[in-house]
Amino acid sequence: MAASLITIVDIIVYVITIILILHALMSFAPLEPWHPIRRTLAQLAEPIIQPFRNLIPPVGMFDFSIMVALIVIQILGELIKVLIRQAF
């Protein structure tokens, strides 16, 4: 039971990480904002990134909120896995 829950947490963290990285990379792509791929990634990533943007405003051209969100997601994933291991 614990192993399957840990696997689910790993998959969720992995998918969120990929979405955030692709969203960050798409900001450098020459796609229009209304392109379906870019719009879909923005709809998935922005609700995760927005709370961090409220805490950490962009510094010049650099937006560190995605990096902070990635770090927090990784830490939360590890914390949840530790809690699962202790519960079972």
N, C-alpha and C. Protein backbone atom coordinates (compact mmCIF):
# COMPACT_ATOMS: atom_id res chain seq x y z
N MET A 1 0.82 -1.19 0.00
CA MET A 1 0.00 0.00 0.00
C MET A 1 0.86 1.26 0.00
N ALA A 2 1.86 1.30 0.87
CA ALA A 2 2.73 2.48 0.94
C ALA A 2 3.51 2.67 -0.35
N ALA A 3 3.96 1.57 -0.92
CA ALA A 3 4.75 1.67 -2.15
C ALA A 3 3.93 2.25 -3.29
N SER A 4 2.67 1.86 -3.38
CA SER A 4 1.84 2.38 -4.46
C SER A 4 1.51 3.86 -4.24
N LEU A 5 1.30 4.27 -2.99
CA LEU A 5 1.07 5.69 -2.70
C LEU A 5 2.30 6.53 -3.01
N ILE A 6 3.47 6.00 -2.67
CA ILE A 6 4.71 6.71 -2.97
C ILE A 6 4.91 6.83 -4.47
N THR A 7 4.57 5.78 -5.21
CA THR A 7 4.66 5.83 -6.67
C THR A 7 3.72 6.88 -7.24
N ILE A 8 2.52 6.98 -6.71
CA ILE A 8 1.57 7.99 -7.16
C ILE A 8 2.10 9.39 -6.89
N VAL A 9 2.66 9.60 -5.71
CA VAL A 9 3.24 10.92 -5.37
C VAL A 9 4.39 11.24 -6.32
N ASP A 10 5.24 10.25 -6.61
CA ASP A 10 6.35 10.46 -7.54
C ASP A 10 5.85 10.85 -8.92
N ILE A 11 4.80 10.18 -9.39
CA ILE A 11 4.26 10.49 -10.72
C ILE A 11 3.67 11.89 -10.75
N ILE A 12 2.94 12.27 -9.72
CA ILE A 12 2.33 13.61 -9.66
C ILE A 12 3.41 14.69 -9.65
N VAL A 13 4.43 14.50 -8.83
CA VAL A 13 5.53 15.47 -8.76
C VAL A 13 6.25 15.55 -10.10
N TYR A 14 6.46 14.41 -10.74
CA TYR A 14 7.13 14.38 -12.05
C TYR A 14 6.32 15.12 -13.10
N VAL A 15 5.02 14.88 -13.15
CA VAL A 15 4.17 15.54 -14.15
C VAL A 15 4.14 17.05 -13.92
N ILE A 16 3.99 17.47 -12.68
CA ILE A 16 3.98 18.90 -12.38
C ILE A 16 5.32 19.54 -12.76
N THR A 17 6.41 18.84 -12.48
CA THR A 17 7.74 19.34 -12.83
C THR A 17 7.88 19.52 -14.33
N ILE A 18 7.44 18.52 -15.09
CA ILE A 18 7.53 18.61 -16.56
C ILE A 18 6.67 19.75 -17.08
N ILE A 19 5.47 19.92 -16.54
CA ILE A 19 4.60 21.01 -16.98
C ILE A 19 5.25 22.37 -16.71
N LEU A 20 5.83 22.54 -15.53
CA LEU A 20 6.46 23.83 -15.20
C LEU A 20 7.69 24.09 -16.06
N ILE A 21 8.49 23.07 -16.32
CA ILE A 21 9.67 23.25 -17.16
C ILE A 21 9.27 23.58 -18.59
N LEU A 22 8.29 22.85 -19.13
CA LEU A 22 7.82 23.14 -20.49
C LEU A 22 7.23 24.54 -20.58
N HIS A 23 6.51 24.95 -19.56
CA HIS A 23 5.94 26.31 -19.54
C HIS A 23 7.06 27.36 -19.56
N ALA A 24 8.11 27.11 -18.80
CA ALA A 24 9.23 28.06 -18.78
C ALA A 24 9.93 28.08 -20.13
N LEU A 25 10.13 26.92 -20.74
CA LEU A 25 10.80 26.86 -22.04
C LEU A 25 9.95 27.47 -23.14
N MET A 26 8.63 27.33 -23.03
CA MET A 26 7.76 27.89 -24.06
C MET A 26 7.78 29.42 -24.07
N SER A 27 8.21 30.03 -23.00
CA SER A 27 8.30 31.49 -22.99
C SER A 27 9.40 31.97 -23.94
N PHE A 28 10.32 31.08 -24.29
CA PHE A 28 11.38 31.44 -25.23
C PHE A 28 11.02 31.06 -26.66
N ALA A 29 9.96 30.28 -26.85
CA ALA A 29 9.56 29.83 -28.18
C ALA A 29 8.82 30.95 -28.91
N PRO A 30 8.97 30.98 -30.23
CA PRO A 30 8.30 32.05 -31.00
C PRO A 30 6.84 31.74 -31.29
N LEU A 31 6.13 31.10 -30.36
CA LEU A 31 4.71 30.82 -30.55
C LEU A 31 3.87 31.97 -30.03
N GLU A 32 2.76 32.20 -30.69
CA GLU A 32 1.85 33.24 -30.26
C GLU A 32 1.17 32.83 -28.95
N PRO A 33 0.75 33.77 -28.13
CA PRO A 33 0.12 33.43 -26.84
C PRO A 33 -1.16 32.60 -26.98
N TRP A 34 -1.83 32.68 -28.11
CA TRP A 34 -3.07 31.93 -28.29
C TRP A 34 -2.86 30.57 -28.95
N HIS A 35 -1.60 30.19 -29.17
CA HIS A 35 -1.31 28.86 -29.72
C HIS A 35 -1.83 27.80 -28.74
N PRO A 36 -2.47 26.73 -29.24
CA PRO A 36 -3.10 25.75 -28.33
C PRO A 36 -2.14 25.11 -27.33
N ILE A 37 -0.94 24.81 -27.75
CA ILE A 37 0.03 24.18 -26.83
C ILE A 37 0.43 25.15 -25.74
N ARG A 38 0.75 26.35 -26.15
CA ARG A 38 1.18 27.36 -25.17
C ARG A 38 0.04 27.72 -24.21
N ARG A 39 -1.17 27.83 -24.75
CA ARG A 39 -2.32 28.17 -23.91
C ARG A 39 -2.63 27.06 -22.91
N THR A 40 -2.53 25.79 -23.36
CA THR A 40 -2.78 24.67 -22.47
C THR A 40 -1.75 24.60 -21.36
N LEU A 41 -0.47 24.78 -21.71
CA LEU A 41 0.57 24.77 -20.68
C LEU A 41 0.37 25.91 -19.69
N ALA A 42 -0.04 27.07 -20.19
CA ALA A 42 -0.27 28.21 -19.30
C ALA A 42 -1.45 27.94 -18.36
N GLN A 43 -2.50 27.31 -18.87
CA GLN A 43 -3.65 27.00 -18.03
C GLN A 43 -3.30 25.99 -16.95
N LEU A 44 -2.37 25.08 -17.24
CA LEU A 44 -1.95 24.09 -16.25
C LEU A 44 -0.94 24.66 -15.25
N ALA A 45 -0.03 25.51 -15.73
CA ALA A 45 1.08 25.96 -14.91
C ALA A 45 0.77 27.22 -14.09
N GLU A 46 0.00 28.12 -14.64
CA GLU A 46 -0.22 29.40 -13.96
C GLU A 46 -0.85 29.28 -12.58
N PRO A 47 -1.83 28.39 -12.35
CA PRO A 47 -2.36 28.28 -10.98
C PRO A 47 -1.31 27.82 -9.97
N ILE A 48 -0.30 27.10 -10.42
CA ILE A 48 0.77 26.67 -9.52
C ILE A 48 1.76 27.80 -9.29
N ILE A 49 2.05 28.55 -10.33
CA ILE A 49 3.09 29.59 -10.27
C ILE A 49 2.58 30.88 -9.63
N GLN A 50 1.31 31.20 -9.82
CA GLN A 50 0.79 32.50 -9.38
C GLN A 50 1.00 32.81 -7.90
N PRO A 51 0.79 31.87 -6.97
CA PRO A 51 1.06 32.22 -5.56
C PRO A 51 2.52 32.60 -5.31
N PHE A 52 3.42 31.99 -6.06
CA PHE A 52 4.84 32.32 -5.89
C PHE A 52 5.16 33.67 -6.52
N ARG A 53 4.46 34.03 -7.59
CA ARG A 53 4.65 35.35 -8.19
C ARG A 53 4.18 36.46 -7.25
N ASN A 54 3.16 36.16 -6.46
CA ASN A 54 2.68 37.15 -5.50
C ASN A 54 3.72 37.39 -4.40
N LEU A 55 4.48 36.35 -4.06
CA LEU A 55 5.51 36.47 -3.02
C LEU A 55 6.83 37.00 -3.56
N ILE A 56 7.18 36.56 -4.77
CA ILE A 56 8.47 36.92 -5.36
C ILE A 56 8.22 37.64 -6.68
N PRO A 57 8.29 38.96 -6.70
CA PRO A 57 8.07 39.67 -7.96
C PRO A 57 9.24 39.45 -8.92
N PRO A 58 8.99 39.59 -10.21
CA PRO A 58 10.09 39.43 -11.18
C PRO A 58 11.20 40.45 -10.93
N VAL A 59 12.42 40.01 -11.15
CA VAL A 59 13.59 40.87 -10.99
C VAL A 59 14.08 41.20 -12.39
N GLY A 60 13.75 42.37 -12.88
CA GLY A 60 14.11 42.74 -14.24
C GLY A 60 13.38 41.84 -15.22
N MET A 61 14.13 41.17 -16.07
CA MET A 61 13.55 40.24 -17.04
C MET A 61 13.39 38.84 -16.47
N PHE A 62 13.90 38.58 -15.31
CA PHE A 62 13.92 37.23 -14.76
C PHE A 62 12.77 37.00 -13.78
N ASP A 63 12.10 35.87 -13.98
CA ASP A 63 11.00 35.47 -13.10
C ASP A 63 11.44 34.20 -12.37
N PHE A 64 11.79 34.36 -11.11
CA PHE A 64 12.29 33.23 -10.32
C PHE A 64 11.16 32.41 -9.69
N SER A 65 9.93 32.81 -9.91
CA SER A 65 8.82 32.11 -9.27
C SER A 65 8.69 30.67 -9.75
N ILE A 66 9.01 30.40 -11.01
CA ILE A 66 8.94 29.03 -11.51
C ILE A 66 9.99 28.16 -10.82
N MET A 67 11.19 28.69 -10.65
CA MET A 67 12.24 27.93 -9.97
C MET A 67 11.87 27.66 -8.52
N VAL A 68 11.31 28.65 -7.84
CA VAL A 68 10.90 28.47 -6.45
C VAL A 68 9.75 27.45 -6.38
N ALA A 69 8.83 27.52 -7.33
CA ALA A 69 7.72 26.57 -7.36
C ALA A 69 8.24 25.14 -7.56
N LEU A 70 9.22 24.97 -8.44
CA LEU A 70 9.81 23.64 -8.65
C LEU A 70 10.45 23.11 -7.37
N ILE A 71 11.18 23.97 -6.68
CA ILE A 71 11.84 23.54 -5.44
C ILE A 71 10.80 23.17 -4.38
N VAL A 72 9.76 23.99 -4.25
CA VAL A 72 8.73 23.72 -3.25
C VAL A 72 7.98 22.42 -3.58
N ILE A 73 7.67 22.19 -4.85
CA ILE A 73 6.98 20.97 -5.26
C ILE A 73 7.84 19.75 -4.93
N GLN A 74 9.15 19.83 -5.20
CA GLN A 74 10.04 18.71 -4.90
C GLN A 74 10.10 18.45 -3.39
N ILE A 75 10.21 19.50 -2.60
CA ILE A 75 10.27 19.36 -1.15
C ILE A 75 8.96 18.79 -0.61
N LEU A 76 7.84 19.30 -1.09
CA LEU A 76 6.55 18.77 -0.65
C LEU A 76 6.37 17.30 -1.01
N GLY A 77 6.84 16.94 -2.21
CA GLY A 77 6.76 15.53 -2.61
C GLY A 77 7.56 14.64 -1.69
N GLU A 78 8.76 15.06 -1.33
CA GLU A 78 9.58 14.27 -0.41
C GLU A 78 8.96 14.22 0.98
N LEU A 79 8.40 15.33 1.42
CA LEU A 79 7.76 15.36 2.74
C LEU A 79 6.55 14.42 2.78
N ILE A 80 5.76 14.43 1.73
CA ILE A 80 4.60 13.54 1.68
C ILE A 80 5.04 12.09 1.66
N LYS A 81 6.12 11.78 0.95
CA LYS A 81 6.63 10.40 0.93
C LYS A 81 7.12 9.97 2.31
N VAL A 82 7.77 10.85 3.04
CA VAL A 82 8.21 10.51 4.40
C VAL A 82 7.01 10.27 5.29
N LEU A 83 5.99 11.10 5.17
CA LEU A 83 4.79 10.92 5.98
C LEU A 83 4.08 9.59 5.65
N ILE A 84 4.08 9.23 4.38
CA ILE A 84 3.46 7.95 3.97
C ILE A 84 4.25 6.78 4.57
N ARG A 85 5.58 6.87 4.49
CA ARG A 85 6.40 5.79 5.04
C ARG A 85 6.20 5.64 6.55
N GLN A 86 6.05 6.74 7.24
CA GLN A 86 5.85 6.68 8.69
C GLN A 86 4.45 6.19 9.05
N ALA A 87 3.48 6.45 8.21
CA ALA A 87 2.10 6.05 8.49
C ALA A 87 1.90 4.55 8.30
N PHE A 88 2.69 3.95 7.41
CA PHE A 88 2.50 2.51 7.14
C PHE A 88 3.64 1.72 7.67
